[in-house]
């Protein structure tokens, strides 16, 4: 005669828990990479949006708008230069500040300045392009800001 047992045996539980542990162990690195990817994309989208906002502020206020990267590259601010001929241009009034997502840093090849017509200029008020570099651990990305204020990102 067979005995009917209800429930699971210890071996059944061990097999099920081992299977779950293997699945979790393979999913964690994938989730970590996915979260890092979201952070990188969020940083690029945020800076792209803020560059357009800085450009619009420069046009609306009829002044220069300047993006300043602070300290270790995790924070930045946009301000306006109220003196039209100050050299080098510097932000007299801060319009807004922002922080990048965790562990993402940004650097610039030169100061990001938009003139009152919305064109990207250098310290001498000449039309230019600027390169922003983004770093997140081993990941590195470059964004080239064209004279008209659009950013083309290459990762």
Protein backbone atom coordinates (compact mmCIF):
# COMPACT_ATOMS: atom_id res chain seq x y z
CA UNK A 1 0.00 0.00 0.00
CA UNK A 2 1.10 3.49 -0.79
CA UNK A 3 0.90 6.19 1.76
CA UNK A 4 -0.38 9.49 0.53
CA UNK A 5 1.62 12.36 1.92
CA UNK A 6 0.60 15.94 1.92
CA UNK A 7 3.17 18.68 1.53
CA UNK A 8 6.71 18.84 0.25
CA UNK A 9 9.72 16.80 1.20
CA UNK A 10 12.99 18.37 2.31
CA UNK A 11 14.53 17.46 -1.04
CA UNK A 12 11.71 19.23 -2.90
CA UNK A 13 12.31 22.36 -0.85
CA UNK A 14 16.08 22.22 -1.38
CA UNK A 15 15.71 21.85 -5.16
CA UNK A 16 13.20 24.72 -5.31
CA UNK A 17 15.30 27.05 -3.15
CA UNK A 18 18.49 26.24 -5.10
CA UNK A 19 16.69 27.00 -8.35
CA UNK A 20 15.46 30.32 -6.94
CA UNK A 21 18.96 31.26 -5.76
CA UNK A 22 20.43 30.55 -9.19
CA UNK A 23 17.75 32.67 -10.87
CA UNK A 24 18.29 35.55 -8.43
CA UNK A 25 22.07 35.36 -8.82
CA UNK A 26 21.76 35.73 -12.60
CA UNK A 27 19.16 38.52 -12.38
CA UNK A 28 21.01 40.86 -9.98
CA UNK A 29 23.87 41.84 -12.36
CA UNK A 30 21.36 42.39 -15.15
CA UNK A 31 19.24 44.62 -12.93
CA UNK A 32 22.32 46.56 -11.82
CA UNK A 33 23.32 47.17 -15.44
CA UNK A 34 19.77 48.19 -16.29
CA UNK A 35 19.63 50.70 -13.42
CA UNK A 36 23.01 52.15 -14.43
CA UNK A 37 21.74 52.52 -18.00
CA UNK A 38 18.65 54.36 -16.73
CA UNK A 39 20.87 56.72 -14.70
CA UNK A 40 23.07 57.49 -17.72
CA UNK A 41 20.12 58.11 -20.02
CA UNK A 42 18.43 60.28 -17.40
CA UNK A 43 21.57 62.40 -17.04
CA UNK A 44 21.88 62.98 -20.80
CA UNK A 45 18.18 63.79 -21.18
CA UNK A 46 18.27 66.12 -18.19
CA UNK A 47 21.30 68.07 -19.47
CA UNK A 48 19.83 68.24 -22.98
CA UNK A 49 16.59 69.66 -21.58
CA UNK A 50 18.47 72.14 -19.37
CA UNK A 51 20.61 73.31 -22.30
CA UNK A 52 17.44 74.08 -24.26
CA UNK A 53 16.03 75.85 -21.22
CA UNK A 54 19.23 77.94 -20.86
CA UNK A 55 19.06 78.85 -24.54
CA UNK A 56 15.41 79.90 -24.19
CA UNK A 57 16.23 82.02 -21.12
CA UNK A 58 19.00 83.80 -23.02
CA UNK A 59 16.62 84.65 -25.86
CA UNK A 60 13.72 85.61 -23.57
CA UNK A 61 15.83 87.86 -21.33
CA UNK A 62 18.06 89.25 -24.07
CA UNK A 63 21.23 88.32 -22.13
CA UNK A 64 23.88 85.65 -22.10
CA UNK A 65 22.98 82.40 -20.33
CA UNK A 66 25.89 80.49 -18.84
CA UNK A 67 25.99 76.84 -17.74
CA UNK A 68 28.50 76.40 -14.91
CA UNK A 69 29.64 72.94 -13.80
CA UNK A 70 30.45 72.85 -10.09
CA UNK A 71 33.05 70.93 -8.12
CA UNK A 72 33.27 67.27 -8.98
CA UNK A 73 30.91 67.54 -11.98
CA UNK A 74 27.79 66.22 -10.29
CA UNK A 75 26.08 69.62 -9.99
CA UNK A 76 25.59 72.50 -12.37
CA UNK A 77 23.73 75.77 -12.58
CA UNK A 78 22.50 78.11 -15.28
CA UNK A 79 22.59 81.84 -14.79
CA UNK A 80 22.46 85.04 -16.81
CA UNK A 81 25.16 87.62 -17.38
CA UNK A 82 23.42 90.96 -16.97
CA UNK A 83 26.45 92.98 -18.09
CA UNK A 84 26.60 92.66 -21.88
CA UNK A 85 30.33 93.25 -22.23
CA UNK A 86 31.80 91.56 -19.15
CA UNK A 87 34.89 89.57 -20.00
CA UNK A 88 34.97 86.72 -19.35
CA UNK A 89 31.23 86.27 -19.12
CA UNK A 90 30.01 85.11 -15.70
CA UNK A 91 26.59 84.42 -14.28
CA UNK A 92 25.35 87.37 -12.22
CA UNK A 93 21.98 85.78 -11.43
CA UNK A 94 21.35 82.04 -11.08
CA UNK A 95 18.18 80.93 -12.85
CA UNK A 96 18.25 77.28 -11.79
CA UNK A 97 20.56 74.58 -10.45
CA UNK A 98 20.45 70.86 -10.95
CA UNK A 99 22.21 67.67 -9.85
CA UNK A 100 23.03 64.70 -12.04
CA UNK A 101 21.82 61.20 -11.09
CA UNK A 102 24.06 59.34 -8.66
CA UNK A 103 27.56 58.41 -9.80
CA UNK A 104 27.24 60.36 -13.09
CA UNK A 105 29.69 63.22 -13.63
CA UNK A 106 29.98 65.83 -16.37
CA UNK A 107 32.85 67.98 -17.66
CA UNK A 108 33.05 70.56 -20.41
CA UNK A 109 35.77 71.48 -22.90
CA UNK A 110 34.89 75.16 -22.35
CA UNK A 111 32.26 77.32 -20.71
CA UNK A 112 28.79 76.80 -22.16
CA UNK A 113 27.45 80.27 -23.08
CA UNK A 114 24.37 81.17 -25.13
CA UNK A 115 24.09 84.71 -26.45
CA UNK A 116 20.88 86.74 -26.58
CA UNK A 117 20.04 85.23 -30.00
CA UNK A 118 20.38 81.67 -28.65
CA UNK A 119 23.69 80.83 -30.31
CA UNK A 120 26.47 79.01 -28.50
CA UNK A 121 29.49 81.30 -28.14
CA UNK A 122 32.93 81.22 -26.55
CA UNK A 123 34.43 83.70 -24.07
CA UNK A 124 35.16 86.10 -26.96
CA UNK A 125 31.55 86.03 -28.24
CA UNK A 126 32.50 83.98 -31.30
CA UNK A 127 30.23 81.17 -32.50
CA UNK A 128 31.56 77.81 -31.38
CA UNK A 129 30.82 74.19 -30.53
CA UNK A 130 31.42 72.68 -27.10
CA UNK A 131 31.95 69.12 -25.94
CA UNK A 132 30.38 67.80 -22.75
CA UNK A 133 31.74 64.52 -21.42
CA UNK A 134 29.70 62.25 -19.18
CA UNK A 135 31.18 59.50 -17.03
CA UNK A 136 29.51 56.78 -14.97
CA UNK A 137 31.99 54.20 -13.70
CA UNK A 138 33.65 52.63 -16.76
CA UNK A 139 31.09 54.17 -19.11
CA UNK A 140 32.08 57.31 -21.02
CA UNK A 141 30.00 59.41 -23.39
CA UNK A 142 30.54 62.67 -25.28
CA UNK A 143 27.93 65.21 -26.26
CA UNK A 144 28.79 67.86 -28.85
CA UNK A 145 26.75 71.03 -28.55
CA UNK A 146 26.33 72.73 -31.93
CA UNK A 147 26.24 76.49 -32.36
CA UNK A 148 22.44 76.41 -32.52
CA UNK A 149 22.25 74.68 -29.13
CA UNK A 150 21.45 71.11 -30.11
CA UNK A 151 23.47 68.31 -28.52
CA UNK A 152 24.55 65.22 -30.45
CA UNK A 153 25.51 62.42 -28.05
CA UNK A 154 28.01 59.68 -28.94
CA UNK A 155 28.49 56.80 -26.49
